[in-house]
Amino acid sequence: MSLAVSLTVGVLDLGWDLSLVVTLLEALLLLPAWWLTVRKHKVGLGALGLRRFRPVMLFLAGGLLAMAYTANFIYSLILLLLGVSPNLDLVNLVAQIEHPWLMALGAVVVAPLSEEVFFRGFVFAGLRERHGWLKAALISAAAFALLHLQPVQALPIFLLGFVFALIYEKSRSLWPAVAMHAAVNAIGLAAAYFVSRMGVLSGG
């Protein structure tokens, strides 16, 4: 969702610091989840999935992440064969930001925690009680992909959302999903940064 917010601000040309806007708006996702669970129903943070987990779940998370990246690679190849260009919005965004370290904080620390609390700890967990884990995972993953506002990348984002819900279901803790989410964002941001820097150097 960080990219969606940043692109919106950029298109509107509001003159705001994109890094700060992204970080603050991502953090705001914590408010409804906290208010409607911890505050309203007087339960602990464990109700949002912020609880201990077995370390072995990190290996499961790593395996699922590798599978998701493999599927994403195949998807990207299919897009190229169809003549659809990869989404370079993130590269263009990173090239424009004034404070890359603040952007990294928002994308790698704040966004994984806030988005996992909202989409998995709040939305998925709430739906799971009524519809079962599979239907809840599909719905929450669809919402996750929809709110990222990236049509070309909707399928990979949906897949990641489903994988995050699956690891939460297996571990009963949000932390492995948060770690996976942080890794995905860190890899994507680092790749976009290096590509943008290569463009700057080649242009200079």
N, C-alpha and C. Protein backbone atom coordinates (compact mmCIF):
# COMPACT_ATOMS: atom_id res chain seq x y z
N MET A 1 0.82 -1.20 0.00
CA MET A 1 0.00 0.00 0.00
C MET A 1 0.86 1.26 0.00
N SER A 2 2.09 1.14 0.42
CA SER A 2 3.01 2.29 0.44
C SER A 2 3.14 2.91 -0.94
N LEU A 3 3.29 2.04 -1.96
CA LEU A 3 3.44 2.54 -3.32
C LEU A 3 2.18 3.25 -3.78
N ALA A 4 1.01 2.69 -3.46
CA ALA A 4 -0.26 3.30 -3.87
C ALA A 4 -0.40 4.70 -3.29
N VAL A 5 -0.09 4.84 -2.01
CA VAL A 5 -0.17 6.15 -1.36
C VAL A 5 0.82 7.12 -1.98
N SER A 6 2.03 6.66 -2.21
CA SER A 6 3.07 7.53 -2.76
C SER A 6 2.72 8.01 -4.16
N LEU A 7 2.20 7.11 -4.98
CA LEU A 7 1.84 7.48 -6.34
C LEU A 7 0.69 8.48 -6.35
N THR A 8 -0.26 8.30 -5.45
CA THR A 8 -1.38 9.22 -5.35
C THR A 8 -0.90 10.62 -5.00
N VAL A 9 -0.03 10.69 -4.00
CA VAL A 9 0.52 11.99 -3.59
C VAL A 9 1.32 12.61 -4.73
N GLY A 10 2.07 11.76 -5.44
CA GLY A 10 2.88 12.26 -6.54
C GLY A 10 2.04 12.79 -7.69
N VAL A 11 0.97 12.07 -8.02
CA VAL A 11 0.09 12.50 -9.10
C VAL A 11 -0.59 13.82 -8.77
N LEU A 12 -1.02 13.97 -7.52
CA LEU A 12 -1.68 15.20 -7.10
C LEU A 12 -0.71 16.36 -6.96
N ASP A 13 0.60 16.03 -6.93
CA ASP A 13 1.63 17.07 -6.84
C ASP A 13 1.37 18.02 -5.67
N LEU A 14 1.22 17.41 -4.49
CA LEU A 14 0.90 18.20 -3.30
C LEU A 14 2.12 18.83 -2.65
N GLY A 15 3.30 18.44 -3.10
CA GLY A 15 4.51 19.01 -2.53
C GLY A 15 4.86 18.44 -1.18
N TRP A 16 4.27 17.29 -0.83
CA TRP A 16 4.55 16.69 0.48
C TRP A 16 5.76 15.76 0.38
N ASP A 17 6.37 15.52 1.51
CA ASP A 17 7.47 14.57 1.60
C ASP A 17 6.88 13.17 1.51
N LEU A 18 7.11 12.48 0.40
CA LEU A 18 6.51 11.17 0.18
C LEU A 18 6.90 10.16 1.25
N SER A 19 8.15 10.19 1.67
CA SER A 19 8.63 9.24 2.67
C SER A 19 7.86 9.39 3.98
N LEU A 20 7.65 10.63 4.40
CA LEU A 20 6.94 10.88 5.65
C LEU A 20 5.46 10.52 5.52
N VAL A 21 4.85 10.87 4.39
CA VAL A 21 3.44 10.55 4.16
C VAL A 21 3.21 9.05 4.21
N VAL A 22 4.06 8.30 3.51
CA VAL A 22 3.93 6.84 3.48
C VAL A 22 4.03 6.26 4.89
N THR A 23 5.04 6.67 5.63
CA THR A 23 5.26 6.13 6.97
C THR A 23 4.08 6.42 7.90
N LEU A 24 3.58 7.65 7.86
CA LEU A 24 2.47 8.03 8.74
C LEU A 24 1.18 7.32 8.37
N LEU A 25 0.87 7.27 7.08
CA LEU A 25 -0.38 6.64 6.65
C LEU A 25 -0.36 5.13 6.87
N GLU A 26 0.80 4.52 6.70
CA GLU A 26 0.90 3.09 7.01
C GLU A 26 0.64 2.85 8.49
N ALA A 27 1.20 3.71 9.33
CA ALA A 27 1.01 3.56 10.78
C ALA A 27 -0.46 3.72 11.17
N LEU A 28 -1.20 4.54 10.41
CA LEU A 28 -2.61 4.77 10.72
C LEU A 28 -3.45 3.50 10.57
N LEU A 29 -2.98 2.53 9.79
CA LEU A 29 -3.72 1.27 9.66
C LEU A 29 -3.86 0.55 11.00
N LEU A 30 -2.95 0.85 11.92
CA LEU A 30 -3.00 0.19 13.22
C LEU A 30 -4.20 0.66 14.05
N LEU A 31 -4.65 1.87 13.80
CA LEU A 31 -5.70 2.46 14.63
C LEU A 31 -7.02 1.70 14.60
N PRO A 32 -7.62 1.43 13.42
CA PRO A 32 -8.90 0.71 13.45
C PRO A 32 -8.79 -0.69 14.02
N ALA A 33 -7.69 -1.38 13.72
CA ALA A 33 -7.50 -2.72 14.25
C ALA A 33 -7.39 -2.69 15.78
N TRP A 34 -6.61 -1.74 16.28
CA TRP A 34 -6.45 -1.63 17.73
C TRP A 34 -7.75 -1.19 18.40
N TRP A 35 -8.43 -0.21 17.81
CA TRP A 35 -9.63 0.35 18.42
C TRP A 35 -10.75 -0.69 18.51
N LEU A 36 -10.94 -1.46 17.45
CA LEU A 36 -12.06 -2.40 17.40
C LEU A 36 -11.78 -3.73 18.08
N THR A 37 -10.56 -3.92 18.54
CA THR A 37 -10.24 -5.16 19.26
C THR A 37 -9.77 -4.86 20.69
N VAL A 38 -8.57 -4.35 20.78
CA VAL A 38 -7.98 -4.10 22.10
C VAL A 38 -8.79 -3.08 22.89
N ARG A 39 -9.14 -1.98 22.25
CA ARG A 39 -9.85 -0.90 22.95
C ARG A 39 -11.31 -1.24 23.22
N LYS A 40 -12.03 -1.65 22.20
CA LYS A 40 -13.47 -1.87 22.33
C LYS A 40 -13.80 -3.12 23.13
N HIS A 41 -13.09 -4.22 22.84
CA HIS A 41 -13.42 -5.49 23.48
C HIS A 41 -12.51 -5.84 24.66
N LYS A 42 -11.59 -4.93 24.97
CA LYS A 42 -10.71 -5.09 26.14
C LYS A 42 -9.93 -6.41 26.11
N VAL A 43 -9.35 -6.72 24.96
CA VAL A 43 -8.54 -7.93 24.85
C VAL A 43 -7.08 -7.53 24.67
N GLY A 44 -6.19 -8.49 24.81
CA GLY A 44 -4.77 -8.20 24.67
C GLY A 44 -4.33 -8.16 23.22
N LEU A 45 -3.09 -7.79 23.00
CA LEU A 45 -2.55 -7.73 21.65
C LEU A 45 -2.49 -9.10 20.99
N GLY A 46 -2.55 -10.14 21.79
CA GLY A 46 -2.57 -11.49 21.24
C GLY A 46 -3.77 -11.72 20.36
N ALA A 47 -4.85 -10.98 20.59
CA ALA A 47 -6.05 -11.11 19.77
C ALA A 47 -5.78 -10.66 18.33
N LEU A 48 -4.77 -9.84 18.13
CA LEU A 48 -4.38 -9.39 16.80
C LEU A 48 -3.24 -10.23 16.22
N GLY A 49 -2.89 -11.30 16.91
CA GLY A 49 -1.84 -12.18 16.42
C GLY A 49 -0.45 -11.86 16.90
N LEU A 50 -0.30 -10.85 17.75
CA LEU A 50 1.02 -10.47 18.25
C LEU A 50 1.37 -11.33 19.45
N ARG A 51 1.72 -12.57 19.15
CA ARG A 51 2.04 -13.54 20.19
C ARG A 51 3.26 -14.35 19.80
N ARG A 52 3.77 -15.14 20.72
CA ARG A 52 4.96 -15.93 20.45
C ARG A 52 4.67 -17.02 19.41
N PHE A 53 5.75 -17.50 18.78
CA PHE A 53 5.61 -18.56 17.78
C PHE A 53 6.81 -19.49 17.87
N ARG A 54 6.64 -20.65 17.28
CA ARG A 54 7.75 -21.61 17.24
C ARG A 54 8.76 -21.18 16.17
N PRO A 55 10.05 -21.13 16.50
CA PRO A 55 11.06 -20.68 15.53
C PRO A 55 11.04 -21.44 14.22
N VAL A 56 10.62 -22.72 14.26
CA VAL A 56 10.59 -23.51 13.04
C VAL A 56 9.67 -22.88 12.00
N MET A 57 8.72 -22.06 12.44
CA MET A 57 7.80 -21.42 11.51
C MET A 57 8.51 -20.44 10.58
N LEU A 58 9.67 -19.95 10.98
CA LEU A 58 10.44 -19.07 10.11
C LEU A 58 10.95 -19.83 8.89
N PHE A 59 11.27 -21.11 9.07
CA PHE A 59 11.71 -21.93 7.94
C PHE A 59 10.54 -22.18 6.98
N LEU A 60 9.37 -22.43 7.55
CA LEU A 60 8.18 -22.58 6.72
C LEU A 60 7.90 -21.29 5.96
N ALA A 61 8.04 -20.16 6.64
CA ALA A 61 7.81 -18.87 6.01
C ALA A 61 8.81 -18.65 4.86
N GLY A 62 10.06 -19.03 5.09
CA GLY A 62 11.07 -18.88 4.05
C GLY A 62 10.77 -19.74 2.83
N GLY A 63 10.31 -20.97 3.07
CA GLY A 63 9.95 -21.85 1.97
C GLY A 63 8.77 -21.31 1.18
N LEU A 64 7.77 -20.82 1.88
CA LEU A 64 6.61 -20.23 1.20
C LEU A 64 6.99 -18.98 0.42
N LEU A 65 7.91 -18.21 0.98
CA LEU A 65 8.36 -17.00 0.30
C LEU A 65 9.09 -17.36 -0.99
N ALA A 66 9.92 -18.40 -0.94
CA ALA A 66 10.64 -18.84 -2.14
C ALA A 66 9.65 -19.30 -3.22
N MET A 67 8.61 -20.01 -2.81
CA MET A 67 7.59 -20.45 -3.75
C MET A 67 6.86 -19.26 -4.37
N ALA A 68 6.56 -18.25 -3.53
CA ALA A 68 5.87 -17.06 -4.03
C ALA A 68 6.74 -16.31 -5.04
N TYR A 69 8.04 -16.23 -4.78
CA TYR A 69 8.93 -15.55 -5.71
C TYR A 69 9.06 -16.33 -7.02
N THR A 70 9.05 -17.65 -6.92
CA THR A 70 9.10 -18.47 -8.14
C THR A 70 7.87 -18.23 -9.00
N ALA A 71 6.69 -18.21 -8.35
CA ALA A 71 5.45 -17.94 -9.07
C ALA A 71 5.46 -16.53 -9.67
N ASN A 72 6.01 -15.57 -8.93
CA ASN A 72 6.09 -14.19 -9.42
C ASN A 72 7.02 -14.09 -10.62
N PHE A 73 8.10 -14.86 -10.61
CA PHE A 73 9.04 -14.87 -11.73
C PHE A 73 8.37 -15.41 -12.98
N ILE A 74 7.62 -16.50 -12.81
CA ILE A 74 6.90 -17.08 -13.95
C ILE A 74 5.86 -16.10 -14.49
N TYR A 75 5.17 -15.44 -13.57
CA TYR A 75 4.16 -14.45 -13.95
C TYR A 75 4.80 -13.30 -14.74
N SER A 76 5.97 -12.85 -14.30
CA SER A 76 6.67 -11.76 -14.98
C SER A 76 7.09 -12.19 -16.39
N LEU A 77 7.53 -13.44 -16.54
CA LEU A 77 7.90 -13.94 -17.86
C LEU A 77 6.69 -13.96 -18.80
N ILE A 78 5.54 -14.38 -18.26
CA ILE A 78 4.32 -14.41 -19.06
C ILE A 78 3.95 -13.01 -19.52
N LEU A 79 4.08 -12.04 -18.61
CA LEU A 79 3.79 -10.65 -18.97
C LEU A 79 4.70 -10.18 -20.10
N LEU A 80 5.98 -10.52 -20.00
CA LEU A 80 6.93 -10.10 -21.04
C LEU A 80 6.60 -10.74 -22.37
N LEU A 81 6.19 -12.01 -22.34
CA LEU A 81 5.81 -12.70 -23.58
C LEU A 81 4.57 -12.08 -24.21
N LEU A 82 3.70 -11.53 -23.35
CA LEU A 82 2.49 -10.89 -23.84
C LEU A 82 2.72 -9.43 -24.23
N GLY A 83 3.96 -8.98 -24.03
CA GLY A 83 4.29 -7.61 -24.41
C GLY A 83 3.90 -6.58 -23.37
N VAL A 84 3.66 -7.02 -22.14
CA VAL A 84 3.29 -6.10 -21.06
C VAL A 84 4.55 -5.77 -20.28
N SER A 85 4.86 -4.50 -20.17
CA SER A 85 6.08 -4.07 -19.47
C SER A 85 5.93 -4.25 -17.97
N PRO A 86 7.00 -4.64 -17.29
CA PRO A 86 6.96 -4.73 -15.83
C PRO A 86 6.62 -3.38 -15.21
N ASN A 87 6.06 -3.43 -14.05
CA ASN A 87 5.67 -2.20 -13.36
C ASN A 87 6.91 -1.50 -12.81
N LEU A 88 7.23 -0.33 -13.38
CA LEU A 88 8.41 0.41 -12.95
C LEU A 88 8.07 1.59 -12.06
N ASP A 89 6.83 1.63 -11.56
CA ASP A 89 6.41 2.76 -10.73
C ASP A 89 7.30 2.91 -9.50
N LEU A 90 7.67 1.79 -8.89
CA LEU A 90 8.48 1.86 -7.69
C LEU A 90 9.86 2.43 -7.99
N VAL A 91 10.42 2.06 -9.13
CA VAL A 91 11.73 2.58 -9.53
C VAL A 91 11.66 4.09 -9.70
N ASN A 92 10.62 4.55 -10.40
CA ASN A 92 10.46 5.99 -10.61
C ASN A 92 10.23 6.72 -9.29
N LEU A 93 9.49 6.08 -8.39
CA LEU A 93 9.21 6.70 -7.09
C LEU A 93 10.49 6.84 -6.26
N VAL A 94 11.27 5.77 -6.20
CA VAL A 94 12.51 5.79 -5.41
C VAL A 94 13.47 6.83 -5.94
N ALA A 95 13.45 7.04 -7.26
CA ALA A 95 14.35 8.04 -7.86
C ALA A 95 13.97 9.46 -7.45
N GLN A 96 12.71 9.65 -7.00
CA GLN A 96 12.23 10.99 -6.68
C GLN A 96 12.25 11.33 -5.20
N ILE A 97 12.31 10.34 -4.34
CA ILE A 97 12.16 10.62 -2.91
C ILE A 97 13.38 11.36 -2.36
N GLU A 98 13.11 12.20 -1.37
CA GLU A 98 14.16 13.02 -0.78
C GLU A 98 14.88 12.32 0.38
N HIS A 99 14.16 11.45 1.08
CA HIS A 99 14.72 10.79 2.26
C HIS A 99 14.59 9.27 2.13
N PRO A 100 15.52 8.62 1.43
CA PRO A 100 15.42 7.17 1.21
C PRO A 100 15.41 6.35 2.49
N TRP A 101 16.11 6.81 3.53
CA TRP A 101 16.14 6.04 4.77
C TRP A 101 14.79 6.09 5.49
N LEU A 102 14.09 7.22 5.38
CA LEU A 102 12.76 7.30 5.96
C LEU A 102 11.79 6.42 5.16
N MET A 103 11.96 6.39 3.85
CA MET A 103 11.16 5.51 3.01
C MET A 103 11.41 4.06 3.37
N ALA A 104 12.67 3.72 3.62
CA ALA A 104 13.01 2.35 4.00
C ALA A 104 12.38 1.99 5.34
N LEU A 105 12.38 2.92 6.28
CA LEU A 105 11.74 2.69 7.58
C LEU A 105 10.25 2.41 7.40
N GLY A 106 9.60 3.22 6.56
CA GLY A 106 8.18 3.04 6.34
C GLY A 106 7.86 1.73 5.64
N ALA A 107 8.66 1.39 4.62
CA ALA A 107 8.36 0.22 3.80
C ALA A 107 8.80 -1.10 4.44
N VAL A 108 9.89 -1.08 5.20
CA VAL A 108 10.46 -2.32 5.72
C VAL A 108 10.09 -2.59 7.18
N VAL A 109 9.75 -1.54 7.93
CA VAL A 109 9.41 -1.72 9.35
C VAL A 109 7.93 -1.41 9.61
N VAL A 110 7.51 -0.20 9.28
CA VAL A 110 6.15 0.23 9.61
C VAL A 110 5.11 -0.51 8.78
N ALA A 111 5.29 -0.55 7.46
CA ALA A 111 4.29 -1.17 6.58
C ALA A 111 4.07 -2.66 6.88
N PRO A 112 5.12 -3.48 7.01
CA PRO A 112 4.88 -4.89 7.31
C PRO A 112 4.09 -5.11 8.59
N LEU A 113 4.42 -4.35 9.64
CA LEU A 113 3.72 -4.52 10.91
C LEU A 113 2.27 -4.04 10.80
N SER A 114 2.07 -2.83 10.29
CA SER A 114 0.72 -2.27 10.25
C SER A 114 -0.18 -3.03 9.28
N GLU A 115 0.34 -3.41 8.12
CA GLU A 115 -0.48 -4.13 7.14
C GLU A 115 -0.80 -5.54 7.62
N GLU A 116 0.14 -6.20 8.28
CA GLU A 116 -0.15 -7.54 8.78
C GLU A 116 -1.15 -7.49 9.93
N VAL A 117 -1.02 -6.51 10.81
CA VAL A 117 -2.00 -6.36 11.89
C VAL A 117 -3.39 -6.12 11.31
N PHE A 118 -3.47 -5.24 10.29
CA PHE A 118 -4.79 -4.90 9.73
C PHE A 118 -5.35 -6.04 8.88
N PHE A 119 -4.60 -6.49 7.88
CA PHE A 119 -5.15 -7.46 6.92
C PHE A 119 -5.20 -8.89 7.46
N ARG A 120 -4.23 -9.29 8.24
CA ARG A 120 -4.25 -10.65 8.77
C ARG A 120 -4.76 -10.70 10.21
N GLY A 121 -4.22 -9.88 11.09
CA GLY A 121 -4.64 -9.94 12.49
C GLY A 121 -6.06 -9.46 12.71
N PHE A 122 -6.55 -8.56 11.85
CA PHE A 122 -7.89 -7.98 12.01
C PHE A 122 -8.88 -8.54 10.97
N VAL A 123 -8.63 -8.29 9.68
CA VAL A 123 -9.57 -8.70 8.64
C VAL A 123 -9.64 -10.22 8.51
N PHE A 124 -8.49 -10.87 8.31
CA PHE A 124 -8.47 -12.32 8.14
C PHE A 124 -9.02 -13.03 9.38
N ALA A 125 -8.54 -12.63 10.55
CA ALA A 125 -8.98 -13.29 11.78
C ALA A 125 -10.48 -13.11 12.00
N GLY A 126 -11.01 -11.94 11.70
CA GLY A 126 -12.44 -11.71 11.86
C GLY A 126 -13.26 -12.54 10.91
N LEU A 127 -12.83 -12.62 9.65
CA LEU A 127 -13.56 -13.41 8.65
C LEU A 127 -13.44 -14.91 8.93
N ARG A 128 -12.31 -15.32 9.48
CA ARG A 128 -12.06 -16.74 9.72
C ARG A 128 -13.10 -17.32 10.67
N GLU A 129 -13.53 -16.56 11.66
CA GLU A 129 -14.49 -17.06 12.64
C GLU A 129 -15.83 -17.40 12.00
N ARG A 130 -16.18 -16.71 10.93
CA ARG A 130 -17.47 -16.92 10.27
C ARG A 130 -17.39 -17.81 9.04
N HIS A 131 -16.29 -17.71 8.30
CA HIS A 131 -16.24 -18.36 6.99
C HIS A 131 -15.17 -19.43 6.85
N GLY A 132 -14.37 -19.67 7.89
CA GLY A 132 -13.28 -20.63 7.77
C GLY A 132 -12.03 -19.98 7.22
N TRP A 133 -10.88 -20.63 7.42
CA TRP A 133 -9.62 -19.98 7.10
C TRP A 133 -9.41 -19.77 5.61
N LEU A 134 -9.83 -20.74 4.76
CA LEU A 134 -9.56 -20.63 3.32
C LEU A 134 -10.31 -19.45 2.70
N LYS A 135 -11.59 -19.35 2.95
CA LYS A 135 -12.38 -18.25 2.41
C LYS A 135 -11.89 -16.92 2.97
N ALA A 136 -11.56 -16.91 4.25
CA ALA A 136 -11.05 -15.69 4.88
C ALA A 136 -9.72 -15.28 4.26
N ALA A 137 -8.88 -16.26 3.97
CA ALA A 137 -7.57 -15.96 3.37
C ALA A 137 -7.75 -15.38 1.97
N LEU A 138 -8.68 -15.93 1.19
CA LEU A 138 -8.92 -15.44 -0.17
C LEU A 138 -9.47 -14.02 -0.16
N ILE A 139 -10.42 -13.77 0.74
CA ILE A 139 -11.03 -12.43 0.81
C ILE A 139 -10.03 -11.40 1.29
N SER A 140 -9.29 -11.72 2.34
CA SER A 140 -8.32 -10.76 2.87
C SER A 140 -7.18 -10.52 1.88
N ALA A 141 -6.78 -11.56 1.14
CA ALA A 141 -5.74 -11.40 0.12
C ALA A 141 -6.23 -10.52 -1.02
N ALA A 142 -7.52 -10.67 -1.38
CA ALA A 142 -8.10 -9.84 -2.43
C ALA A 142 -8.15 -8.37 -2.00
N ALA A 143 -8.53 -8.13 -0.75
CA ALA A 143 -8.55 -6.77 -0.23
C ALA A 143 -7.14 -6.19 -0.19
N PHE A 144 -6.19 -7.01 0.19
CA PHE A 144 -4.78 -6.61 0.25
C PHE A 144 -4.29 -6.18 -1.12
N ALA A 145 -4.63 -6.96 -2.16
CA ALA A 145 -4.20 -6.65 -3.52
C ALA A 145 -4.93 -5.42 -4.05
N LEU A 146 -6.22 -5.33 -3.75
CA LEU A 146 -7.03 -4.21 -4.24
C LEU A 146 -6.53 -2.87 -3.73
N LEU A 147 -6.20 -2.81 -2.44
CA LEU A 147 -5.79 -1.55 -1.84
C LEU A 147 -4.37 -1.13 -2.22
N HIS A 148 -3.63 -2.00 -2.90
CA HIS A 148 -2.31 -1.61 -3.38
C HIS A 148 -2.38 -0.85 -4.70
N LEU A 149 -3.55 -0.88 -5.37
CA LEU A 149 -3.80 -0.07 -6.57
C LEU A 149 -2.74 -0.28 -7.65
N GLN A 150 -2.36 -1.54 -7.88
CA GLN A 150 -1.39 -1.87 -8.92
C GLN A 150 -1.97 -2.99 -9.79
N PRO A 151 -2.76 -2.65 -10.81
CA PRO A 151 -3.45 -3.67 -11.61
C PRO A 151 -2.55 -4.74 -12.19
N VAL A 152 -1.40 -4.34 -12.74
CA VAL A 152 -0.51 -5.32 -13.37
C VAL A 152 0.05 -6.30 -12.34
N GLN A 153 0.28 -5.81 -11.12
CA GLN A 153 0.88 -6.65 -10.09
C GLN A 153 -0.16 -7.21 -9.11
N ALA A 154 -1.44 -7.10 -9.46
CA ALA A 154 -2.50 -7.53 -8.54
C ALA A 154 -2.40 -9.01 -8.21
N LEU A 155 -2.11 -9.85 -9.20
CA LEU A 155 -2.05 -11.29 -8.96
C LEU A 155 -0.90 -11.68 -8.02
N PRO A 156 0.34 -11.21 -8.26
CA PRO A 156 1.42 -11.51 -7.31
C PRO A 156 1.14 -10.99 -5.90
N ILE A 157 0.54 -9.79 -5.80
CA ILE A 157 0.23 -9.23 -4.48
C ILE A 157 -0.84 -10.08 -3.80
N PHE A 158 -1.84 -10.51 -4.57
CA PHE A 158 -2.87 -11.41 -4.02
C PHE A 158 -2.23 -12.69 -3.50
N LEU A 159 -1.32 -13.26 -4.28
CA LEU A 159 -0.64 -14.49 -3.87
C LEU A 159 0.13 -14.29 -2.57
N LEU A 160 0.84 -13.16 -2.46
CA LEU A 160 1.58 -12.86 -1.24
C LEU A 160 0.62 -12.72 -0.06
N GLY A 161 -0.50 -12.04 -0.27
CA GLY A 161 -1.49 -11.90 0.79
C GLY A 161 -2.01 -13.24 1.27
N PHE A 162 -2.22 -14.15 0.32
CA PHE A 162 -2.69 -15.49 0.68
C PHE A 162 -1.62 -16.24 1.46
N VAL A 163 -0.37 -16.12 1.02
CA VAL A 163 0.75 -16.80 1.71
C VAL A 163 0.91 -16.24 3.12
N PHE A 164 0.79 -14.94 3.28
CA PHE A 164 0.88 -14.34 4.61
C PHE A 164 -0.22 -14.88 5.53
N ALA A 165 -1.43 -15.02 4.98
CA ALA A 165 -2.54 -15.56 5.77
C ALA A 165 -2.29 -17.02 6.12
N LEU A 166 -1.71 -17.77 5.19
CA LEU A 166 -1.42 -19.18 5.43
C LEU A 166 -0.41 -19.36 6.55
N ILE A 167 0.67 -18.58 6.51
CA ILE A 167 1.68 -18.73 7.56
C ILE A 167 1.13 -18.26 8.91
N TYR A 168 0.23 -17.28 8.90
CA TYR A 168 -0.42 -16.87 10.15
C TYR A 168 -1.30 -18.00 10.67
N GLU A 169 -2.03 -18.65 9.76
CA GLU A 169 -2.89 -19.76 10.15
C GLU A 169 -2.08 -20.90 10.76
N LYS A 170 -0.92 -21.18 10.18
CA LYS A 170 -0.10 -22.30 10.65
C LYS A 170 0.64 -21.97 11.94
N SER A 171 1.10 -20.75 12.08
CA SER A 171 1.91 -20.38 13.23
C SER A 171 1.11 -19.81 14.39
N ARG A 172 -0.12 -19.33 14.08
CA ARG A 172 -0.97 -18.65 15.07
C ARG A 172 -0.30 -17.38 15.61
N SER A 173 0.61 -16.86 14.84
CA SER A 173 1.30 -15.62 15.22
C SER A 173 1.52 -14.78 13.97
N LEU A 174 1.47 -13.47 14.13
CA LEU A 174 1.70 -12.57 13.00
C LEU A 174 3.18 -12.39 12.69
N TRP A 175 4.05 -12.67 13.66
CA TRP A 175 5.45 -12.31 13.49
C TRP A 175 6.13 -12.97 12.31
N PRO A 176 5.90 -14.27 12.01
CA PRO A 176 6.52 -14.84 10.80
C PRO A 176 6.04 -14.14 9.52
N ALA A 177 4.75 -13.78 9.47
CA ALA A 177 4.23 -13.06 8.30
C ALA A 177 4.82 -11.66 8.22
N VAL A 178 5.00 -11.02 9.36
CA VAL A 178 5.64 -9.70 9.38
C VAL A 178 7.06 -9.80 8.85
N ALA A 179 7.78 -10.84 9.27
CA ALA A 179 9.16 -11.03 8.80
C ALA A 179 9.20 -11.26 7.30
N MET A 180 8.26 -12.09 6.78
CA MET A 180 8.18 -12.33 5.34
C MET A 180 7.87 -11.04 4.59
N HIS A 181 6.91 -10.31 5.10
CA HIS A 181 6.48 -9.06 4.47
C HIS A 181 7.64 -8.06 4.44
N ALA A 182 8.37 -7.97 5.53
CA ALA A 182 9.52 -7.06 5.59
C ALA A 182 10.59 -7.47 4.58
N ALA A 183 10.81 -8.78 4.44
CA ALA A 183 11.80 -9.26 3.48
C ALA A 183 11.40 -8.92 2.05
N VAL A 184 10.12 -9.11 1.73
CA VAL A 184 9.63 -8.79 0.39
C VAL A 184 9.82 -7.30 0.08
N ASN A 185 9.41 -6.47 1.03
CA ASN A 185 9.53 -5.02 0.82
C ASN A 185 10.98 -4.58 0.73
N ALA A 186 11.83 -5.17 1.57
CA ALA A 186 13.25 -4.81 1.56
C ALA A 186 13.90 -5.17 0.23
N ILE A 187 13.59 -6.37 -0.26
CA ILE A 187 14.16 -6.81 -1.54
C ILE A 187 13.67 -5.92 -2.68
N GLY A 188 12.37 -5.65 -2.69
CA GLY A 188 11.80 -4.81 -3.74
C GLY A 188 12.34 -3.40 -3.72
N LEU A 189 12.46 -2.84 -2.52
CA LEU A 189 12.96 -1.47 -2.39
C LEU A 189 14.43 -1.38 -2.76
N ALA A 190 15.21 -2.36 -2.33
CA ALA A 190 16.64 -2.37 -2.65
C ALA A 190 16.85 -2.50 -4.16
N ALA A 191 16.09 -3.40 -4.78
CA ALA A 191 16.21 -3.58 -6.23
C ALA A 191 15.84 -2.29 -6.96
N ALA A 192 14.74 -1.66 -6.53
CA ALA A 192 14.30 -0.41 -7.17
C ALA A 192 15.34 0.69 -6.97
N TYR A 193 15.96 0.73 -5.80
CA TYR A 193 16.97 1.75 -5.53
C TYR A 193 18.18 1.58 -6.44
N PHE A 194 18.66 0.34 -6.57
CA PHE A 194 19.84 0.12 -7.41
C PHE A 194 19.54 0.37 -8.88
N VAL A 195 18.33 -0.01 -9.33
CA VAL A 195 17.96 0.26 -10.72
C VAL A 195 17.87 1.76 -10.96
N SER A 196 17.29 2.48 -9.98
CA SER A 196 17.18 3.94 -10.14
C SER A 196 18.56 4.59 -10.14
N ARG A 197 19.46 4.09 -9.30
CA ARG A 197 20.82 4.65 -9.26
C ARG A 197 21.56 4.36 -10.55
N MET A 198 21.36 3.18 -11.13
CA MET A 198 21.99 2.83 -12.39
C MET A 198 21.52 3.77 -13.50
N GLY A 199 20.21 4.12 -13.41
CA GLY A 199 19.66 5.06 -14.39
C GLY A 199 20.29 6.43 -14.25
N VAL A 200 20.49 6.86 -12.99
CA VAL A 200 21.11 8.17 -12.75
C VAL A 200 22.55 8.18 -13.26
N LEU A 201 23.28 7.10 -12.97
CA LEU A 201 24.68 7.05 -13.37
C LEU A 201 24.82 6.98 -14.88
N SER A 202 23.96 6.19 -15.53
CA SER A 202 24.04 6.07 -16.98
C SER A 202 23.61 7.36 -17.66
N GLY A 203 22.69 8.08 -17.01
CA GLY A 203 22.23 9.35 -17.57
C GLY A 203 23.23 10.46 -17.38
N GLY A 204 24.10 10.29 -16.35
CA GLY A 204 25.09 11.32 -16.09
C GLY A 204 26.30 11.15 -16.94
